[in-house]
């Protein structure tokens, strides 16, 4: 039986390149509805070089949640490299890019 963190990592790995998902949607996909914070904790423990595409998970408002020293800049750059666009306020259109 997989642990909660293993289920979260698996769910995040299914997010296609160029798309994003929210913490809550990942929690739902991992069989943990209402547990968005646990998703945040699981992803916060990953380093930037992880094979889990942590950068594809954003908050429910379409924004990047703070991730340590400069982590938000890394996340935005990774998303933009995949074709995800941000508006002037730093928000992703979830209707367009959400998965």
Protein backbone atom coordinates (compact mmCIF):
# COMPACT_ATOMS: atom_id res chain seq x y z
CA UNK A 1 0.00 0.00 0.00
CA UNK A 2 1.38 3.39 -0.98
CA UNK A 3 1.91 6.12 1.58
CA UNK A 4 0.12 9.45 1.24
CA UNK A 5 3.30 11.10 -0.03
CA UNK A 6 3.80 8.34 -2.63
CA UNK A 7 0.22 8.80 -3.86
CA UNK A 8 0.79 12.56 -4.07
CA UNK A 9 4.02 12.15 -6.03
CA UNK A 10 2.29 9.73 -8.41
CA UNK A 11 -0.60 12.17 -8.96
CA UNK A 12 1.81 15.03 -9.68
CA UNK A 13 3.73 12.91 -12.18
CA UNK A 14 0.51 12.53 -14.21
CA UNK A 15 0.17 16.29 -14.84
CA UNK A 16 1.12 16.80 -18.50
CA UNK A 17 3.84 19.19 -19.59
CA UNK A 18 2.41 22.64 -20.26
CA UNK A 19 -0.47 22.13 -17.83
CA UNK A 20 -0.93 22.91 -14.14
CA UNK A 21 -3.01 21.54 -11.30
CA UNK A 22 -3.94 22.91 -7.91
CA UNK A 23 -2.96 21.51 -4.54
CA UNK A 24 -6.59 20.57 -3.95
CA UNK A 25 -6.97 18.81 -7.29
CA UNK A 26 -3.79 16.81 -6.63
CA UNK A 27 -5.16 15.84 -3.21
CA UNK A 28 -8.38 14.67 -4.85
CA UNK A 29 -6.44 12.66 -7.45
CA UNK A 30 -4.35 11.09 -4.68
CA UNK A 31 -7.52 9.95 -2.89
CA UNK A 32 -7.20 12.57 -0.16
CA UNK A 33 -9.99 15.10 -0.78
CA UNK A 34 -9.72 18.25 1.30
CA UNK A 35 -6.05 17.66 2.09
CA UNK A 36 -4.40 20.33 -0.07
CA UNK A 37 -2.03 21.31 2.75
CA UNK A 38 -0.59 17.80 2.86
CA UNK A 39 0.16 18.10 -0.86
CA UNK A 40 2.03 21.32 -0.09
CA UNK A 41 4.05 19.62 2.62
CA UNK A 42 4.88 16.67 0.38
CA UNK A 43 6.08 18.92 -2.43
CA UNK A 44 7.98 21.26 -0.12
CA UNK A 45 10.20 18.33 0.83
CA UNK A 46 11.34 17.84 -2.77
CA UNK A 47 14.41 19.54 -4.17
CA UNK A 48 14.32 21.50 -7.41
CA UNK A 49 16.04 18.63 -9.23
CA UNK A 50 13.38 16.05 -8.32
CA UNK A 51 11.88 13.84 -11.03
CA UNK A 52 8.46 14.87 -9.68
CA UNK A 53 7.28 17.92 -11.67
CA UNK A 54 6.45 19.89 -8.50
CA UNK A 55 6.46 23.12 -10.49
CA UNK A 56 3.15 22.15 -12.16
CA UNK A 57 1.24 22.52 -8.89
CA UNK A 58 -0.09 25.98 -8.07
CA UNK A 59 -2.65 27.44 -5.70
CA UNK A 60 -6.40 27.56 -6.31
CA UNK A 61 -6.22 31.21 -7.39
CA UNK A 62 -3.80 30.31 -10.19
CA UNK A 63 -0.77 31.73 -8.43
CA UNK A 64 2.53 30.38 -7.24
CA UNK A 65 2.78 29.78 -3.52
CA UNK A 66 6.06 30.85 -1.96
CA UNK A 67 8.69 28.09 -2.03
CA UNK A 68 11.82 29.16 -0.19
CA UNK A 69 14.56 31.47 -1.40
CA UNK A 70 13.83 32.16 -5.04
CA UNK A 71 11.77 29.01 -5.49
CA UNK A 72 8.87 30.96 -6.95
CA UNK A 73 11.19 32.32 -9.65
CA UNK A 74 12.38 28.80 -10.50
CA UNK A 75 8.79 27.54 -10.60
CA UNK A 76 7.64 30.35 -12.89
CA UNK A 77 10.62 29.86 -15.21
CA UNK A 78 9.97 26.11 -15.46
CA UNK A 79 6.29 26.69 -16.23
CA UNK A 80 7.04 29.36 -18.81
CA UNK A 81 9.55 27.03 -20.47
CA UNK A 82 6.67 24.56 -20.88
CA UNK A 83 4.48 27.23 -22.48
CA UNK A 84 2.38 28.21 -19.46
CA UNK A 85 1.68 31.95 -19.48
CA UNK A 86 1.07 34.28 -16.56
CA UNK A 87 -0.97 37.47 -16.60
CA UNK A 88 0.41 40.80 -15.36
CA UNK A 89 -0.52 39.84 -11.79
CA UNK A 90 1.41 36.57 -11.92
CA UNK A 91 -1.71 34.41 -12.28
CA UNK A 92 -2.20 31.40 -14.57
CA UNK A 93 -5.53 30.99 -16.38
CA UNK A 94 -6.76 27.71 -14.86
CA UNK A 95 -9.46 27.36 -17.53
CA UNK A 96 -6.75 27.32 -20.19
CA UNK A 97 -3.87 25.52 -18.45
CA UNK A 98 -5.57 23.61 -15.66
CA UNK A 99 -5.62 19.83 -15.64
